[in-house]
Amino acid sequence: MKFFWKSGKKELRVWTILFAVGFGLGIGLICIFPERLVEQTGFLGGELLSGMYSLEINQNGLLLYSLRQRLGMAAFFVLLSAAGAGYLCSWILPGGFGLACGTVLTTLSLRYGARGTALFLACLTPQLVLFVPGFCMLLDWCVRRLEPRRLPGPLGVIIMGCFVESYVNPIIVKALIGLF
C-alpha cells in the first residue's frame, strides 16, 4: 500500500524536540512570572469560564473563524515555502504550538488543579487528532517543496479538523465547564 504522506524520522524528531522546548518555555514563563501573567490578569479566570458556559455558540460562525485562522496560517507557511523559507515553517509551528500549550496548561493547572488539566484536554480534543497530522503533512510539504498537486491532502485534513473544532468540540467543552 502506497502512503500519500510519510515523513522521515529526522523531521519528526526535530519537530518533537521543538514542541518540547516551546512547551518547557511556556511552563517556565508561567512559573517564573505567575503574578504578572496569571494572578494580576483575568487570563482563563473564573469569570471567563462562567461566561463560556452561558454562551450560546454560533457553530457556523465558529467554523468560518476556524477556517480563516487555520487556512490563513497554512497560506502563510505555503508562501514562506514558495519564498524558499520552508525550513522556517518547521521551526515556527512546533515551537509556537508548544509554547502556547505550555502556557495554557500551566495556567489552567495553577487555577483549577486537575480540573484545569481536564479542561485543557477537552479544548484540544478531538480536533487535534486531525490538526497534528494535517499540519505535519503541511510542514513536510513546505520543507521538501513538493509539487502543488500534493497540497490539497494536508489542506483537506486541516479543513476536516476545522469542522470537528466547530461542531464537536463546543459540546465537549461546554459539558466539562458545567462541572466547574
Protein backbone atom coordinates (compact mmCIF):
# COMPACT_ATOMS: atom_id res chain seq x y z
CA MET A 1 0.00 0.00 0.00
CA LYS A 2 1.42 3.35 -1.02
CA PHE A 3 1.03 6.13 1.54
CA PHE A 4 0.19 9.66 0.45
CA TRP A 5 2.42 11.12 3.12
CA LYS A 6 5.24 9.69 5.11
CA SER A 7 7.62 11.98 6.94
CA GLY A 8 11.09 10.88 7.86
CA LYS A 9 12.17 10.08 11.39
CA LYS A 10 14.58 13.01 11.37
CA GLU A 11 11.86 15.58 10.75
CA LEU A 12 9.51 14.10 13.34
CA ARG A 13 12.31 14.03 15.90
CA VAL A 14 13.20 17.69 15.26
CA TRP A 15 9.54 18.77 15.39
CA THR A 16 9.04 16.86 18.65
CA ILE A 17 12.11 18.50 20.19
CA LEU A 18 10.93 21.95 19.07
CA PHE A 19 7.50 21.30 20.55
CA ALA A 20 9.06 20.12 23.83
CA VAL A 21 11.33 23.18 24.03
CA GLY A 22 8.38 25.51 23.40
CA PHE A 23 6.28 23.60 25.93
CA GLY A 24 9.02 23.90 28.53
CA LEU A 25 9.40 27.62 27.83
CA GLY A 26 5.65 28.09 28.26
CA ILE A 27 5.69 26.30 31.59
CA GLY A 28 8.78 28.24 32.64
CA LEU A 29 7.26 31.61 31.79
CA ILE A 30 4.16 30.96 33.87
CA CYS A 31 6.16 29.51 36.78
CA ILE A 32 8.69 32.36 36.82
CA PHE A 33 6.14 35.17 36.44
CA PRO A 34 2.91 33.77 37.94
CA GLU A 35 1.77 37.04 39.49
CA ARG A 36 2.31 39.07 36.35
CA LEU A 37 0.93 36.54 33.85
CA VAL A 38 -1.76 34.75 35.88
CA GLU A 39 -2.72 36.36 39.17
CA GLN A 40 -2.94 40.00 38.01
CA THR A 41 -4.82 39.15 34.85
CA GLY A 42 -8.13 37.52 34.08
CA PHE A 43 -6.39 35.03 31.80
CA LEU A 44 -8.51 31.87 31.95
CA GLY A 45 -10.16 33.08 35.16
CA GLY A 46 -13.46 32.04 36.67
CA GLU A 47 -15.35 34.90 35.03
CA LEU A 48 -14.26 33.72 31.62
CA LEU A 49 -15.33 30.14 32.30
CA SER A 50 -18.73 31.15 33.64
CA GLY A 51 -19.21 33.35 30.59
CA MET A 52 -18.26 30.48 28.31
CA TYR A 53 -20.80 28.20 29.99
CA SER A 54 -23.68 30.62 29.46
CA LEU A 55 -22.55 31.49 25.93
CA GLU A 56 -24.61 30.22 23.02
CA ILE A 57 -22.13 29.23 20.32
CA ASN A 58 -22.77 30.07 16.68
CA GLN A 59 -21.19 26.96 15.19
CA ASN A 60 -21.32 28.25 11.61
CA GLY A 61 -19.57 31.44 12.68
CA LEU A 62 -17.03 29.39 14.62
CA LEU A 63 -16.40 27.30 11.52
CA LEU A 64 -15.71 30.40 9.43
CA TYR A 65 -13.43 31.78 12.13
CA SER A 66 -11.59 28.46 12.45
CA LEU A 67 -11.18 28.13 8.69
CA ARG A 68 -9.86 31.68 8.44
CA GLN A 69 -7.35 31.11 11.25
CA ARG A 70 -6.10 27.66 10.24
CA LEU A 71 -6.06 28.20 6.48
CA GLY A 72 -4.51 31.65 6.97
CA MET A 73 -1.67 30.00 8.86
CA ALA A 74 -1.38 27.34 6.17
CA ALA A 75 -1.27 30.02 3.45
CA PHE A 76 1.46 31.85 5.38
CA PHE A 77 3.54 28.67 5.51
CA VAL A 78 2.97 27.94 1.82
CA LEU A 79 4.11 31.48 0.97
CA LEU A 80 7.19 31.09 3.17
CA SER A 81 7.95 27.85 1.39
CA ALA A 82 7.49 29.46 -2.02
CA ALA A 83 9.95 32.15 -0.92
CA GLY A 84 12.49 29.46 -0.05
CA ALA A 85 11.99 29.60 3.72
CA GLY A 86 10.25 26.26 4.15
CA TYR A 87 12.55 25.22 6.98
CA LEU A 88 11.49 28.31 8.93
CA CYS A 89 7.95 26.87 8.97
CA SER A 90 9.23 23.72 10.61
CA TRP A 91 10.64 25.82 13.46
CA ILE A 92 7.77 28.26 13.93
CA LEU A 93 4.80 25.90 14.11
CA PRO A 94 6.01 23.20 16.55
CA GLY A 95 7.81 25.69 18.81
CA GLY A 96 4.91 28.14 18.85
CA PHE A 97 2.35 25.43 19.46
CA GLY A 98 4.45 24.02 22.28
CA LEU A 99 4.77 27.47 23.86
CA ALA A 100 1.01 28.03 23.67
CA CYS A 101 0.23 24.58 25.10
CA GLY A 102 2.72 25.03 27.94
CA THR A 103 1.37 28.42 29.00
CA VAL A 104 -2.31 27.45 28.79
CA LEU A 105 -1.87 24.08 30.52
CA THR A 106 0.19 25.60 33.33
CA THR A 107 -2.26 28.47 33.83
CA LEU A 108 -5.26 26.13 33.94
CA SER A 109 -3.43 23.79 36.31
CA LEU A 110 -2.49 26.64 38.65
CA ARG A 111 -6.03 27.99 38.70
CA TYR A 112 -8.06 24.77 38.78
CA GLY A 113 -5.76 21.82 39.52
CA ALA A 114 -6.74 18.52 37.90
CA ARG A 115 -9.97 20.05 36.56
CA GLY A 116 -7.83 22.57 34.66
CA THR A 117 -5.86 19.77 33.04
CA ALA A 118 -9.11 18.06 32.06
CA LEU A 119 -10.38 21.33 30.57
CA PHE A 120 -7.14 21.73 28.61
CA LEU A 121 -7.53 18.24 27.14
CA ALA A 122 -11.21 18.84 26.37
CA CYS A 123 -10.34 22.03 24.50
CA LEU A 124 -7.92 20.14 22.27
CA THR A 125 -9.89 17.00 21.55
CA PRO A 126 -10.97 15.66 19.14
CA GLN A 127 -9.79 18.20 16.53
CA LEU A 128 -6.13 17.74 17.42
CA VAL A 129 -6.35 14.21 16.04
CA LEU A 130 -6.77 15.87 12.64
CA PHE A 131 -4.73 19.06 13.11
CA VAL A 132 -1.49 17.33 14.12
CA PRO A 133 -1.24 15.08 11.05
CA GLY A 134 -2.60 17.83 8.79
CA PHE A 135 -0.02 20.39 9.88
CA CYS A 136 2.77 17.77 9.91
CA MET A 137 1.86 16.95 6.32
CA LEU A 138 1.89 20.68 5.51
CA LEU A 139 5.27 21.15 7.18
CA ASP A 140 6.64 18.20 5.24
CA TRP A 141 5.30 19.75 2.04
CA CYS A 142 6.89 23.10 2.90
CA VAL A 143 10.27 21.65 3.80
CA ARG A 144 10.52 19.34 0.81
CA ARG A 145 8.85 21.78 -1.62
CA LEU A 146 6.72 19.02 -3.03
CA GLU A 147 4.66 19.53 -6.14
CA PRO A 148 1.48 21.62 -5.77
CA ARG A 149 -0.78 18.68 -6.60
CA ARG A 150 0.03 17.21 -3.16
CA LEU A 151 -1.06 20.33 -1.27
CA PRO A 152 -4.83 19.54 -1.21
CA GLY A 153 -4.18 16.49 1.02
CA PRO A 154 -2.85 18.43 4.03
CA LEU A 155 -5.34 21.25 3.48
CA GLY A 156 -8.22 18.76 3.37
CA VAL A 157 -7.18 17.24 6.70
CA ILE A 158 -6.89 20.72 8.24
CA ILE A 159 -10.35 21.64 6.93
CA MET A 160 -11.82 18.46 8.45
CA GLY A 161 -10.20 19.47 11.74
CA CYS A 162 -11.94 22.85 11.49
CA PHE A 163 -15.31 21.12 11.13
CA VAL A 164 -14.64 18.96 14.18
CA GLU A 165 -13.40 22.02 16.11
CA SER A 166 -16.59 23.91 15.28
CA TYR A 167 -19.29 21.28 15.62
CA VAL A 168 -17.99 18.62 18.05
CA ASN A 169 -15.57 20.39 20.39
CA PRO A 170 -18.00 23.05 21.73
CA ILE A 171 -20.28 20.29 23.01
CA ILE A 172 -17.39 18.63 24.88
CA VAL A 173 -16.06 21.89 26.33
CA LYS A 174 -19.45 23.14 27.45
CA ALA A 175 -20.21 19.84 29.19
CA LEU A 176 -16.91 19.95 31.03
CA ILE A 177 -17.24 23.62 32.02
CA GLY A 178 -20.61 22.71 33.55
CA LEU A 179 -18.66 20.66 36.10
CA PHE A 180 -16.80 23.76 37.28
